[in-house]
Amino acid sequence: MTNFCFILFTFEIKKSAMFRFVFLFLIISNFSHSQKKMKIPPYLKKGDTVAIVCTARKFFPEDAIPAKELLESWGLKIKLGNTIGLDSCQLGGTDAERAADLQDLMDDDNVKAIWCARGGYGTVRIIDMLDFTKFKKHPKWIMGFSDVTVLHSHVNVLRIATLHSVMPFTVPKAPDEVKETLRKALFGVPIEYTIPSVSYNVNGKATGELVGGNLSILYSLFGSKSSIDTKGKILYIEDLDEYLYHIDRMMQNMKRNGYFDNVKGLIVGGMTDMHDNEIPFGQNAVQIITAIASQYNIPIAFDFPAGHMKDNRTLILGSQVDFEVNNAEVKLTFKS
């Protein structure tokens, strides 16, 4: 009996030690991931090639003409991916075709940036079919917004910066000033935005890595390997065509998933074309977001010019930024 008790006691000590080791390993692993240096893809120069690809909804060669002319005016060359012109119901080709096209362009040494043609839905259907081995060693800019948030998030987890920007589909309606922000970001020209403040902002200052994108997409990625880490970072969100109670549900889930626990600041872009039920929800999008985010004593800026709107300025996701909100203005300065 004594020997049995001794063996049991020894086992418990070993088990306890093993538990502490595993717990410490997980903490260190998580810390190492969050501290891993962000890679900034090489900036473009005249003569470089930009590829246009469908990762989601279909897009046709004639629709790409305005984007092609824009890139050429910047001295860049254009390559249309094999998915441009494919028609698979809503999508620009089958999942296999879209994944193969994006993979080829990621691995093509002659392509220096990849511009997703349009959003909609479909990128999440191909993300796990992609091999990022070469891309991680030789990163290049991925550009777009909306459904492209799947790629922004997944690539951010790989610690590579991306551009939240207009897409070929939205170029025809984009103001020249907005298109110029994309040119600056691609060519490494410093970017700083100063906009008037609004009364429902929350004042404050913060410095950190800018992450985020479309709220619905961020919400849909919870629990997957593409879900971003917001600890010590400045979170940007925007959305389109959602019911107000959906916004509340997503914000509540972000809170429950710890998205705001250690976030340094919140930038809210366009919350465009929101809907209410016949029986009103009782809060608008600003009130819903404020009710949750204001609990964390962080600067919050609403109505930032990025998202589903004409004034959709380019954001360098993964970049270090200085973020300041005061009664007069909101300033966002990109540092890398």
C-alpha atoms as a PDB file:
ATOM      1  CA  MET A   1       0.000   0.000   0.000  1.00  0.00           C
ATOM      2  CA  THR A   2       2.866   2.377   0.872  1.00  0.00           C
ATOM      3  CA  ASN A   3       4.572   1.659  -2.444  1.00  0.00           C
ATOM      4  CA  PHE A   4       1.293   2.261  -4.288  1.00  0.00           C
ATOM      5  CA  CYS A   5       0.814   5.637  -2.571  1.00  0.00           C
ATOM      6  CA  PHE A   6       4.401   6.594  -3.363  1.00  0.00           C
ATOM      7  CA  ILE A   7       3.932   5.664  -7.043  1.00  0.00           C
ATOM      8  CA  LEU A   8       0.649   7.601  -7.183  1.00  0.00           C
ATOM      9  CA  PHE A   9       2.244  10.632  -5.526  1.00  0.00           C
ATOM     10  CA  THR A  10       5.173  10.517  -7.972  1.00  0.00           C
ATOM     11  CA  PHE A  11       2.749  10.258 -10.919  1.00  0.00           C
ATOM     12  CA  GLU A  12       0.794  13.286  -9.718  1.00  0.00           C
ATOM     13  CA  ILE A  13       4.001  15.325  -9.443  1.00  0.00           C
ATOM     14  CA  LYS A  14       5.038  14.336 -12.973  1.00  0.00           C
ATOM     15  CA  LYS A  15       1.562  15.042 -14.286  1.00  0.00           C
ATOM     16  CA  SER A  16       1.558  18.452 -12.606  1.00  0.00           C
ATOM     17  CA  ALA A  17       5.003  19.240 -13.995  1.00  0.00           C
ATOM     18  CA  MET A  18       3.916  18.179 -17.467  1.00  0.00           C
ATOM     19  CA  PHE A  19       0.814  20.361 -17.220  1.00  0.00           C
ATOM     20  CA  ARG A  20       2.953  23.367 -16.260  1.00  0.00           C
ATOM     21  CA  PHE A  21       5.317  22.646 -19.158  1.00  0.00           C
ATOM     22  CA  VAL A  22       2.480  22.435 -21.692  1.00  0.00           C
ATOM     23  CA  PHE A  23       0.842  25.566 -20.289  1.00  0.00           C
ATOM     24  CA  LEU A  24       4.150  27.485 -20.455  1.00  0.00           C
ATOM     25  CA  PHE A  25       4.786  26.200 -23.995  1.00  0.00           C
ATOM     26  CA  LEU A  26       1.395  27.474 -25.154  1.00  0.00           C
ATOM     27  CA  ILE A  27       2.003  30.886 -23.608  1.00  0.00           C
ATOM     28  CA  ILE A  28       5.445  31.152 -25.201  1.00  0.00           C
ATOM     29  CA  SER A  29       4.127  29.956 -28.571  1.00  0.00           C
ATOM     30  CA  ASN A  30       1.319  32.494 -28.525  1.00  0.00           C
ATOM     31  CA  PHE A  31       3.721  35.256 -27.460  1.00  0.00           C
ATOM     32  CA  SER A  32       6.200  34.286 -30.173  1.00  0.00           C
ATOM     33  CA  HIS A  33       3.476  34.391 -32.811  1.00  0.00           C
ATOM     34  CA  SER A  34       2.205  37.796 -31.743  1.00  0.00           C
ATOM     35  CA  GLN A  35       5.764  39.190 -31.567  1.00  0.00           C
ATOM     36  CA  LYS A  36       6.982  37.732 -34.873  1.00  0.00           C
ATOM     37  CA  LYS A  37       8.196  40.504 -37.144  1.00  0.00           C
ATOM     38  CA  MET A  38       5.764  41.601 -39.842  1.00  0.00           C
ATOM     39  CA  LYS A  39       7.068  41.242 -43.399  1.00  0.00           C
ATOM     40  CA  ILE A  40       6.394  44.184 -45.710  1.00  0.00           C
ATOM     41  CA  PRO A  41       6.307  42.994 -49.344  1.00  0.00           C
ATOM     42  CA  PRO A  42       8.647  44.831 -51.735  1.00  0.00           C
ATOM     43  CA  TYR A  43       7.210  48.118 -52.997  1.00  0.00           C
ATOM     44  CA  LEU A  44       6.555  48.314 -56.714  1.00  0.00           C
ATOM     45  CA  LYS A  45       8.542  50.169 -59.335  1.00  0.00           C
ATOM     46  CA  LYS A  46       7.697  51.108 -62.887  1.00  0.00           C
ATOM     47  CA  GLY A  47       7.733  48.102 -65.184  1.00  0.00           C
ATOM     48  CA  ASP A  48       6.490  45.673 -62.507  1.00  0.00           C
ATOM     49  CA  THR A  49       3.545  43.371 -63.219  1.00  0.00           C
ATOM     50  CA  VAL A  50       0.278  43.352 -61.296  1.00  0.00           C
ATOM     51  CA  ALA A  51      -2.077  40.393 -61.754  1.00  0.00           C
ATOM     52  CA  ILE A  52      -5.869  40.596 -61.538  1.00  0.00           C
ATOM     53  CA  VAL A  53      -7.627  37.462 -60.297  1.00  0.00           C
ATOM     54  CA  CYS A  54     -11.056  36.221 -59.248  1.00  0.00           C
ATOM     55  CA  THR A  55     -11.090  34.721 -55.773  1.00  0.00           C
ATOM     56  CA  ALA A  56     -14.836  35.199 -55.382  1.00  0.00           C
ATOM     57  CA  ARG A  57     -17.459  36.593 -57.779  1.00  0.00           C
ATOM     58  CA  LYS A  58     -17.036  36.517 -61.537  1.00  0.00           C
ATOM     59  CA  PHE A  59     -15.401  39.328 -63.469  1.00  0.00           C
ATOM     60  CA  PHE A  60     -14.928  39.732 -67.207  1.00  0.00           C
ATOM     61  CA  PRO A  61     -12.058  41.106 -69.334  1.00  0.00           C
ATOM     62  CA  GLU A  62     -14.051  44.122 -70.522  1.00  0.00           C
ATOM     63  CA  ASP A  63     -14.766  45.031 -66.895  1.00  0.00           C
ATOM     64  CA  ALA A  64     -11.026  45.099 -66.187  1.00  0.00           C
ATOM     65  CA  ILE A  65     -10.278  47.853 -68.723  1.00  0.00           C
ATOM     66  CA  PRO A  66     -10.510  50.806 -66.270  1.00  0.00           C
ATOM     67  CA  ALA A  67      -8.218  49.027 -63.786  1.00  0.00           C
ATOM     68  CA  LYS A  68      -5.834  48.108 -66.591  1.00  0.00           C
ATOM     69  CA  GLU A  69      -5.662  51.722 -67.775  1.00  0.00           C
ATOM     70  CA  LEU A  70      -5.086  52.918 -64.213  1.00  0.00           C
ATOM     71  CA  LEU A  71      -2.166  50.557 -63.639  1.00  0.00           C
ATOM     72  CA  GLU A  72      -0.649  51.432 -67.009  1.00  0.00           C
ATOM     73  CA  SER A  73      -0.854  55.148 -66.120  1.00  0.00           C
ATOM     74  CA  TRP A  74       1.372  54.303 -63.147  1.00  0.00           C
ATOM     75  CA  GLY A  75       3.906  52.615 -65.412  1.00  0.00           C
ATOM     76  CA  LEU A  76       2.898  49.084 -64.439  1.00  0.00           C
ATOM     77  CA  LYS A  77       2.197  46.009 -66.535  1.00  0.00           C
ATOM     78  CA  ILE A  78      -0.988  43.942 -66.191  1.00  0.00           C
ATOM     79  CA  LYS A  79      -1.604  40.232 -66.263  1.00  0.00           C
ATOM     80  CA  LEU A  80      -5.162  38.911 -66.279  1.00  0.00           C
ATOM     81  CA  GLY A  81      -5.511  35.665 -64.379  1.00  0.00           C
ATOM     82  CA  ASN A  82      -7.101  32.627 -65.990  1.00  0.00           C
ATOM     83  CA  THR A  83     -10.235  33.171 -63.900  1.00  0.00           C
ATOM     84  CA  ILE A  84     -11.025  36.528 -65.513  1.00  0.00           C
ATOM     85  CA  GLY A  85     -13.924  35.647 -67.806  1.00  0.00           C
ATOM     86  CA  LEU A  86     -14.869  32.347 -66.181  1.00  0.00           C
ATOM     87  CA  ASP A  87     -18.515  31.968 -65.193  1.00  0.00           C
ATOM     88  CA  SER A  88     -19.577  29.441 -62.555  1.00  0.00           C
ATOM     89  CA  CYS A  89     -22.945  30.786 -61.381  1.00  0.00           C
ATOM     90  CA  GLN A  90     -21.965  33.651 -59.041  1.00  0.00           C
ATOM     91  CA  LEU A  91     -18.302  32.723 -58.974  1.00  0.00           C
ATOM     92  CA  GLY A  92     -15.389  33.410 -61.284  1.00  0.00           C
ATOM     93  CA  GLY A  93     -14.750  29.757 -61.970  1.00  0.00           C
ATOM     94  CA  THR A  94     -14.971  26.632 -59.856  1.00  0.00           C
ATOM     95  CA  ASP A  95     -13.225  26.454 -56.498  1.00  0.00           C
ATOM     96  CA  ALA A  96     -10.463  24.396 -58.083  1.00  0.00           C
ATOM     97  CA  GLU A  97     -10.016  26.894 -60.927  1.00  0.00           C
ATOM     98  CA  ARG A  98      -9.911  29.914 -58.624  1.00  0.00           C
ATOM     99  CA  ALA A  99      -7.486  28.241 -56.214  1.00  0.00           C
ATOM    100  CA  ALA A 100      -5.199  27.138 -59.073  1.00  0.00           C
ATOM    101  CA  ASP A 101      -5.187  30.622 -60.593  1.00  0.00           C
ATOM    102  CA  LEU A 102      -4.338  32.349 -57.319  1.00  0.00           C
ATOM    103  CA  GLN A 103      -1.687  29.730 -56.548  1.00  0.00           C
ATOM    104  CA  ASP A 104      -0.023  30.241 -59.935  1.00  0.00           C
ATOM    105  CA  LEU A 105       0.058  34.007 -59.433  1.00  0.00           C
ATOM    106  CA  MET A 106       1.425  33.728 -55.892  1.00  0.00           C
ATOM    107  CA  ASP A 107       4.212  31.493 -57.186  1.00  0.00           C
ATOM    108  CA  ASP A 108       4.936  33.514 -60.362  1.00  0.00           C
ATOM    109  CA  ASP A 109       8.210  35.396 -59.832  1.00  0.00           C
ATOM    110  CA  ASN A 110       7.236  37.921 -62.519  1.00  0.00           C
ATOM    111  CA  VAL A 111       4.073  38.981 -60.672  1.00  0.00           C
ATOM    112  CA  LYS A 112       4.837  41.557 -57.979  1.00  0.00           C
ATOM    113  CA  ALA A 113       1.295  42.220 -56.699  1.00  0.00           C
ATOM    114  CA  ILE A 114      -2.089  40.494 -56.834  1.00  0.00           C
ATOM    115  CA  TRP A 115      -5.289  42.511 -57.180  1.00  0.00           C
ATOM    116  CA  CYS A 116      -8.504  40.672 -56.369  1.00  0.00           C
ATOM    117  CA  ALA A 117     -11.073  41.624 -58.996  1.00  0.00           C
ATOM    118  CA  ARG A 118     -14.111  41.930 -56.714  1.00  0.00           C
ATOM    119  CA  GLY A 119     -15.657  40.697 -53.495  1.00  0.00           C
ATOM    120  CA  GLY A 120     -19.038  39.108 -52.893  1.00  0.00           C
ATOM    121  CA  TYR A 121     -18.432  35.608 -51.593  1.00  0.00           C
ATOM    122  CA  GLY A 122     -16.152  32.691 -52.348  1.00  0.00           C
ATOM    123  CA  THR A 123     -12.627  33.312 -51.053  1.00  0.00           C
ATOM    124  CA  VAL A 124     -13.172  31.204 -47.942  1.00  0.00           C
ATOM    125  CA  ARG A 125     -13.996  28.242 -50.201  1.00  0.00           C
ATOM    126  CA  ILE A 126     -10.437  28.190 -51.571  1.00  0.00           C
ATOM    127  CA  ILE A 127      -8.235  29.431 -48.731  1.00  0.00           C
ATOM    128  CA  ASP A 128      -7.399  25.927 -47.454  1.00  0.00           C
ATOM    129  CA  MET A 129      -6.518  24.771 -50.977  1.00  0.00           C
ATOM    130  CA  LEU A 130      -3.600  27.203 -51.185  1.00  0.00           C
ATOM    131  CA  ASP A 131       0.066  26.525 -50.432  1.00  0.00           C
ATOM    132  CA  PHE A 132       1.747  29.631 -49.004  1.00  0.00           C
ATOM    133  CA  THR A 133       5.233  28.089 -48.722  1.00  0.00           C
ATOM    134  CA  LYS A 134       6.827  30.141 -51.502  1.00  0.00           C
ATOM    135  CA  PHE A 135       4.689  33.197 -50.752  1.00  0.00           C
ATOM    136  CA  LYS A 136       6.015  33.334 -47.188  1.00  0.00           C
ATOM    137  CA  LYS A 137       9.591  33.391 -48.477  1.00  0.00           C
ATOM    138  CA  HIS A 138       8.862  35.848 -51.284  1.00  0.00           C
ATOM    139  CA  PRO A 139       5.799  37.878 -50.286  1.00  0.00           C
ATOM    140  CA  LYS A 140       3.960  40.207 -52.625  1.00  0.00           C
ATOM    141  CA  TRP A 141       1.125  42.657 -52.118  1.00  0.00           C
ATOM    142  CA  ILE A 142      -2.420  41.304 -52.053  1.00  0.00           C
ATOM    143  CA  MET A 143      -5.032  44.028 -52.623  1.00  0.00           C
ATOM    144  CA  GLY A 144      -8.788  44.319 -52.201  1.00  0.00           C
ATOM    145  CA  PHE A 145     -11.516  44.568 -49.561  1.00  0.00           C
ATOM    146  CA  SER A 146     -14.838  43.024 -48.516  1.00  0.00           C
ATOM    147  CA  ASP A 147     -14.605  39.246 -49.117  1.00  0.00           C
ATOM    148  CA  VAL A 148     -10.845  39.668 -49.577  1.00  0.00           C
ATOM    149  CA  THR A 149     -10.752  40.014 -45.767  1.00  0.00           C
ATOM    150  CA  VAL A 150     -10.328  36.223 -45.798  1.00  0.00           C
ATOM    151  CA  LEU A 151      -6.955  36.681 -47.484  1.00  0.00           C
ATOM    152  CA  HIS A 152      -6.041  39.732 -45.399  1.00  0.00           C
ATOM    153  CA  SER A 153      -6.659  37.766 -42.209  1.00  0.00           C
ATOM    154  CA  HIS A 154      -4.960  34.549 -43.289  1.00  0.00           C
ATOM    155  CA  VAL A 155      -1.895  36.390 -44.585  1.00  0.00           C
ATOM    156  CA  ASN A 156      -1.763  38.514 -41.433  1.00  0.00           C
ATOM    157  CA  VAL A 157      -1.518  35.313 -39.395  1.00  0.00           C
ATOM    158  CA  LEU A 158       1.475  34.478 -41.616  1.00  0.00           C
ATOM    159  CA  ARG A 159       2.849  37.913 -40.591  1.00  0.00           C
ATOM    160  CA  ILE A 160       2.776  39.512 -44.034  1.00  0.00           C
ATOM    161  CA  ALA A 161       1.240  42.929 -44.739  1.00  0.00           C
ATOM    162  CA  THR A 162      -1.582  43.437 -47.263  1.00  0.00           C
ATOM    163  CA  LEU A 163      -3.515  46.365 -48.765  1.00  0.00           C
ATOM    164  CA  HIS A 164      -7.179  46.979 -47.940  1.00  0.00           C
ATOM    165  CA  SER A 165      -8.074  48.935 -51.070  1.00  0.00           C
ATOM    166  CA  VAL A 166     -10.357  49.528 -54.003  1.00  0.00           C
ATOM    167  CA  MET A 167     -10.684  46.672 -56.478  1.00  0.00           C
ATOM    168  CA  PRO A 168     -10.929  46.562 -60.270  1.00  0.00           C
ATOM    169  CA  PHE A 169     -14.722  46.251 -59.864  1.00  0.00           C
ATOM    170  CA  THR A 170     -14.883  49.533 -57.934  1.00  0.00           C
ATOM    171  CA  VAL A 171     -12.226  51.505 -59.843  1.00  0.00           C
ATOM    172  CA  PRO A 172     -14.700  53.126 -62.308  1.00  0.00           C
ATOM    173  CA  LYS A 173     -16.560  54.890 -59.467  1.00  0.00           C
ATOM    174  CA  ALA A 174     -13.564  55.613 -57.250  1.00  0.00           C
ATOM    175  CA  PRO A 175     -12.440  59.250 -56.945  1.00  0.00           C
ATOM    176  CA  ASP A 176      -8.959  60.079 -58.176  1.00  0.00           C
ATOM    177  CA  GLU A 177      -7.890  60.868 -54.604  1.00  0.00           C
ATOM    178  CA  VAL A 178      -8.806  57.334 -53.521  1.00  0.00           C
ATOM    179  CA  LYS A 179      -6.955  55.708 -56.407  1.00  0.00           C
ATOM    180  CA  GLU A 180      -3.944  57.849 -55.525  1.00  0.00           C
ATOM    181  CA  THR A 181      -3.850  56.321 -52.019  1.00  0.00           C
ATOM    182  CA  LEU A 182      -3.426  52.900 -53.622  1.00  0.00           C
ATOM    183  CA  ARG A 183      -0.621  54.152 -55.831  1.00  0.00           C
ATOM    184  CA  LYS A 184       1.168  55.620 -52.820  1.00  0.00           C
ATOM    185  CA  ALA A 185       0.832  52.411 -50.830  1.00  0.00           C
ATOM    186  CA  LEU A 186       2.107  50.265 -53.701  1.00  0.00           C
ATOM    187  CA  PHE A 187       5.114  52.487 -54.415  1.00  0.00           C
ATOM    188  CA  GLY A 188       6.053  53.053 -50.773  1.00  0.00           C
ATOM    189  CA  VAL A 189       5.076  56.716 -50.571  1.00  0.00           C
ATOM    190  CA  PRO A 190       4.284  57.672 -46.932  1.00  0.00           C
ATOM    191  CA  ILE A 191       0.557  57.822 -46.098  1.00  0.00           C
ATOM    192  CA  GLU A 192      -1.202  59.880 -43.450  1.00  0.00           C
ATOM    193  CA  TYR A 193      -4.931  60.533 -43.168  1.00  0.00           C
ATOM    194  CA  THR A 194      -6.487  63.421 -41.254  1.00  0.00           C
ATOM    195  CA  ILE A 195     -10.278  63.659 -41.194  1.00  0.00           C
ATOM    196  CA  PRO A 196     -12.757  65.742 -39.179  1.00  0.00           C
ATOM    197  CA  SER A 197     -13.860  64.166 -35.925  1.00  0.00           C
ATOM    198  CA  VAL A 198     -17.498  63.406 -35.122  1.00  0.00           C
ATOM    199  CA  SER A 199     -19.272  63.915 -31.811  1.00  0.00           C
ATOM    200  CA  TYR A 200     -19.683  60.186 -31.091  1.00  0.00           C
ATOM    201  CA  ASN A 201     -15.978  59.375 -31.348  1.00  0.00           C
ATOM    202  CA  VAL A 202     -14.007  58.455 -28.239  1.00  0.00           C
ATOM    203  CA  ASN A 203     -10.835  60.512 -27.818  1.00  0.00           C
ATOM    204  CA  GLY A 204      -7.425  59.025 -27.211  1.00  0.00           C
ATOM    205  CA  LYS A 205      -4.056  58.045 -28.698  1.00  0.00           C
ATOM    206  CA  ALA A 206      -2.611  54.657 -29.587  1.00  0.00           C
ATOM    207  CA  THR A 207       0.233  53.082 -31.520  1.00  0.00           C
ATOM    208  CA  GLY A 208       0.135  49.552 -32.845  1.00  0.00           C
ATOM    209  CA  GLU A 209      -0.311  47.229 -35.773  1.00  0.00           C
ATOM    210  CA  LEU A 210      -3.407  47.858 -37.901  1.00  0.00           C
ATOM    211  CA  VAL A 211      -5.528  44.740 -38.503  1.00  0.00           C
ATOM    212  CA  GLY A 212      -9.077  43.935 -39.549  1.00  0.00           C
ATOM    213  CA  GLY A 213     -11.438  44.306 -42.484  1.00  0.00           C
ATOM    214  CA  ASN A 214     -15.040  43.349 -43.108  1.00  0.00           C
ATOM    215  CA  LEU A 215     -16.862  42.628 -39.838  1.00  0.00           C
ATOM    216  CA  SER A 216     -18.949  39.754 -41.213  1.00  0.00           C
ATOM    217  CA  ILE A 217     -15.855  38.034 -42.581  1.00  0.00           C
ATOM    218  CA  LEU A 218     -13.858  38.520 -39.379  1.00  0.00           C
ATOM    219  CA  TYR A 219     -16.808  37.035 -37.472  1.00  0.00           C
ATOM    220  CA  SER A 220     -17.007  34.061 -39.856  1.00  0.00           C
ATOM    221  CA  LEU A 221     -13.319  33.240 -39.321  1.00  0.00           C
ATOM    222  CA  PHE A 222     -13.560  32.822 -35.513  1.00  0.00           C
ATOM    223  CA  GLY A 223     -11.992  29.530 -34.446  1.00  0.00           C
ATOM    224  CA  SER A 224     -10.173  28.966 -37.738  1.00  0.00           C
ATOM    225  CA  LYS A 225      -6.469  29.226 -38.453  1.00  0.00           C
ATOM    226  CA  SER A 226      -7.229  32.409 -40.402  1.00  0.00           C
ATOM    227  CA  SER A 227      -8.599  34.294 -37.388  1.00  0.00           C
ATOM    228  CA  ILE A 228      -6.473  37.337 -36.555  1.00  0.00           C
ATOM    229  CA  ASP A 229      -4.856  38.160 -33.209  1.00  0.00           C
ATOM    230  CA  THR A 230      -5.929  41.616 -31.971  1.00  0.00           C
ATOM    231  CA  LYS A 231      -3.802  41.787 -28.823  1.00  0.00           C
ATOM    232  CA  GLY A 232      -1.918  45.085 -28.669  1.00  0.00           C
ATOM    233  CA  LYS A 233      -3.272  46.092 -32.080  1.00  0.00           C
ATOM    234  CA  ILE A 234      -5.589  48.656 -33.618  1.00  0.00           C
ATOM    235  CA  LEU A 235      -8.694  47.036 -35.097  1.00  0.00           C
ATOM    236  CA  TYR A 236     -10.471  48.306 -38.207  1.00  0.00           C
ATOM    237  CA  ILE A 237     -13.991  47.113 -39.115  1.00  0.00           C
ATOM    238  CA  GLU A 238     -16.591  47.929 -41.780  1.00  0.00           C
ATOM    239  CA  ASP A 239     -19.674  46.258 -43.221  1.00  0.00           C
ATOM    240  CA  LEU A 240     -22.433  46.463 -45.808  1.00  0.00           C
ATOM    241  CA  ASP A 241     -26.077  45.485 -46.152  1.00  0.00           C
ATOM    242  CA  GLU A 242     -26.542  43.946 -42.699  1.00  0.00           C
ATOM    243  CA  TYR A 243     -29.424  43.977 -40.242  1.00  0.00           C
ATOM    244  CA  LEU A 244     -28.700  45.888 -37.069  1.00  0.00           C
ATOM    245  CA  TYR A 245     -29.265  42.859 -34.873  1.00  0.00           C
ATOM    246  CA  HIS A 246     -26.661  41.046 -36.978  1.00  0.00           C
ATOM    247  CA  ILE A 247     -24.174  43.808 -36.154  1.00  0.00           C
ATOM    248  CA  ASP A 248     -25.007  43.395 -32.466  1.00  0.00           C
ATOM    249  CA  ARG A 249     -24.625  39.615 -32.652  1.00  0.00           C
ATOM    250  CA  MET A 250     -21.216  39.928 -34.315  1.00  0.00           C
ATOM    251  CA  MET A 251     -20.014  42.538 -31.847  1.00  0.00           C
ATOM    252  CA  GLN A 252     -21.195  40.426 -28.905  1.00  0.00           C
ATOM    253  CA  ASN A 253     -19.276  37.458 -30.291  1.00  0.00           C
ATOM    254  CA  MET A 254     -16.156  39.553 -30.832  1.00  0.00           C
ATOM    255  CA  LYS A 255     -16.390  40.556 -27.183  1.00  0.00           C
ATOM    256  CA  ARG A 256     -16.885  36.953 -26.026  1.00  0.00           C
ATOM    257  CA  ASN A 257     -13.926  35.831 -28.160  1.00  0.00           C
ATOM    258  CA  GLY A 258     -11.676  38.381 -26.452  1.00  0.00           C
ATOM    259  CA  TYR A 259     -11.194  40.589 -29.505  1.00  0.00           C
ATOM    260  CA  PHE A 260     -11.365  43.753 -27.402  1.00  0.00           C
ATOM    261  CA  ASP A 261      -9.602  42.562 -24.253  1.00  0.00           C
ATOM    262  CA  ASN A 262      -6.192  43.956 -25.183  1.00  0.00           C
ATOM    263  CA  VAL A 263      -6.932  45.940 -28.314  1.00  0.00           C
ATOM    264  CA  LYS A 264      -5.405  49.442 -28.397  1.00  0.00           C
ATOM    265  CA  GLY A 265      -7.913  51.245 -30.590  1.00  0.00           C
ATOM    266  CA  LEU A 266     -10.902  50.821 -32.907  1.00  0.00           C
ATOM    267  CA  ILE A 267     -11.441  52.364 -36.347  1.00  0.00           C
ATOM    268  CA  VAL A 268     -14.934  51.979 -37.803  1.00  0.00           C
ATOM    269  CA  GLY A 269     -15.254  52.529 -41.540  1.00  0.00           C
ATOM    270  CA  GLY A 270     -18.448  52.532 -43.520  1.00  0.00           C
ATOM    271  CA  MET A 271     -21.382  50.754 -41.937  1.00  0.00           C
ATOM    272  CA  THR A 272     -23.225  51.084 -45.217  1.00  0.00           C
ATOM    273  CA  ASP A 273     -26.881  50.378 -46.042  1.00  0.00           C
ATOM    274  CA  MET A 274     -27.832  48.961 -42.651  1.00  0.00           C
ATOM    275  CA  HIS A 275     -31.334  47.471 -42.245  1.00  0.00           C
ATOM    276  CA  ASP A 276     -33.779  47.284 -39.380  1.00  0.00           C
ATOM    277  CA  ASN A 277     -36.684  44.927 -38.718  1.00  0.00           C
ATOM    278  CA  GLU A 278     -40.354  45.882 -38.704  1.00  0.00           C
ATOM    279  CA  ILE A 279     -40.036  45.971 -34.919  1.00  0.00           C
ATOM    280  CA  PRO A 280     -36.990  48.270 -34.503  1.00  0.00           C
ATOM    281  CA  PHE A 281     -33.861  46.918 -32.865  1.00  0.00           C
ATOM    282  CA  GLY A 282     -33.581  50.122 -30.869  1.00  0.00           C
ATOM    283  CA  GLN A 283     -29.979  51.087 -31.646  1.00  0.00           C
ATOM    284  CA  ASN A 284     -28.172  52.159 -34.796  1.00  0.00           C
ATOM    285  CA  ALA A 285     -24.779  50.753 -35.821  1.00  0.00           C
ATOM    286  CA  VAL A 286     -22.822  53.471 -33.993  1.00  0.00           C
ATOM    287  CA  GLN A 287     -24.745  52.878 -30.770  1.00  0.00           C
ATOM    288  CA  ILE A 288     -24.340  49.104 -31.008  1.00  0.00           C
ATOM    289  CA  ILE A 289     -20.576  49.348 -31.491  1.00  0.00           C
ATOM    290  CA  THR A 290     -20.143  52.055 -28.854  1.00  0.00           C
ATOM    291  CA  ALA A 291     -22.088  50.095 -26.228  1.00  0.00           C
ATOM    292  CA  ILE A 292     -19.454  47.336 -26.391  1.00  0.00           C
ATOM    293  CA  ALA A 293     -16.214  49.029 -27.444  1.00  0.00           C
ATOM    294  CA  SER A 294     -16.491  51.961 -25.031  1.00  0.00           C
ATOM    295  CA  GLN A 295     -16.067  49.526 -22.113  1.00  0.00           C
ATOM    296  CA  TYR A 296     -12.378  49.129 -22.961  1.00  0.00           C
ATOM    297  CA  ASN A 297     -11.053  52.684 -22.553  1.00  0.00           C
ATOM    298  CA  ILE A 298      -9.635  52.909 -26.086  1.00  0.00           C
ATOM    299  CA  PRO A 299      -9.783  55.573 -28.791  1.00  0.00           C
ATOM    300  CA  ILE A 300     -12.644  54.961 -31.230  1.00  0.00           C
ATOM    301  CA  ALA A 301     -13.106  56.675 -34.597  1.00  0.00           C
ATOM    302  CA  PHE A 302     -16.326  56.327 -36.573  1.00  0.00           C
ATOM    303  CA  ASP A 303     -17.063  57.220 -40.209  1.00  0.00           C
ATOM    304  CA  PHE A 304     -13.485  56.570 -41.311  1.00  0.00           C
ATOM    305  CA  PRO A 305     -13.224  56.725 -45.123  1.00  0.00           C
ATOM    306  CA  ALA A 306     -12.632  53.056 -45.854  1.00  0.00           C
ATOM    307  CA  GLY A 307     -15.027  50.278 -46.824  1.00  0.00           C
ATOM    308  CA  HIS A 308     -18.088  49.995 -49.049  1.00  0.00           C
ATOM    309  CA  MET A 309     -18.160  53.624 -50.140  1.00  0.00           C
ATOM    310  CA  LYS A 310     -16.699  55.788 -52.880  1.00  0.00           C
ATOM    311  CA  ASP A 311     -14.169  57.280 -50.464  1.00  0.00           C
ATOM    312  CA  ASN A 312     -12.461  53.946 -49.822  1.00  0.00           C
ATOM    313  CA  ARG A 313      -8.906  54.908 -48.948  1.00  0.00           C
ATOM    314  CA  THR A 314      -6.126  52.366 -48.856  1.00  0.00           C
ATOM    315  CA  LEU A 315      -5.132  50.880 -45.507  1.00  0.00           C
ATOM    316  CA  ILE A 316      -1.877  48.981 -45.033  1.00  0.00           C
ATOM    317  CA  LEU A 317      -2.958  46.079 -42.853  1.00  0.00           C
ATOM    318  CA  GLY A 318      -0.031  44.804 -40.812  1.00  0.00           C
ATOM    319  CA  SER A 319       1.625  48.214 -40.731  1.00  0.00           C
ATOM    320  CA  GLN A 320       2.498  49.996 -37.506  1.00  0.00           C
ATOM    321  CA  VAL A 321       0.361  53.124 -37.175  1.00  0.00           C
ATOM    322  CA  ASP A 322      -0.082  56.125 -34.920  1.00  0.00           C
ATOM    323  CA  PHE A 323      -3.779  56.680 -34.214  1.00  0.00           C
ATOM    324  CA  GLU A 324      -5.130  59.835 -32.570  1.00  0.00           C
ATOM    325  CA  VAL A 325      -8.705  60.947 -31.935  1.00  0.00           C
ATOM    326  CA  ASN A 326      -9.560  64.351 -30.507  1.00  0.00           C
ATOM    327  CA  ASN A 327     -12.494  66.739 -30.649  1.00  0.00           C
ATOM    328  CA  ALA A 328     -11.282  68.339 -33.871  1.00  0.00           C
ATOM    329  CA  GLU A 329      -9.832  65.529 -35.962  1.00  0.00           C
ATOM    330  CA  VAL A 330      -8.828  61.912 -36.414  1.00  0.00           C
ATOM    331  CA  LYS A 331      -5.288  61.215 -37.565  1.00  0.00           C
ATOM    332  CA  LEU A 332      -3.930  57.891 -38.841  1.00  0.00           C
ATOM    333  CA  THR A 333      -0.248  57.787 -39.746  1.00  0.00           C
ATOM    334  CA  PHE A 334       1.394  54.710 -41.279  1.00  0.00           C
ATOM    335  CA  LYS A 335       4.921  54.127 -39.983  1.00  0.00           C
ATOM    336  CA  SER A 336       6.028  51.092 -42.010  1.00  0.00           C
END
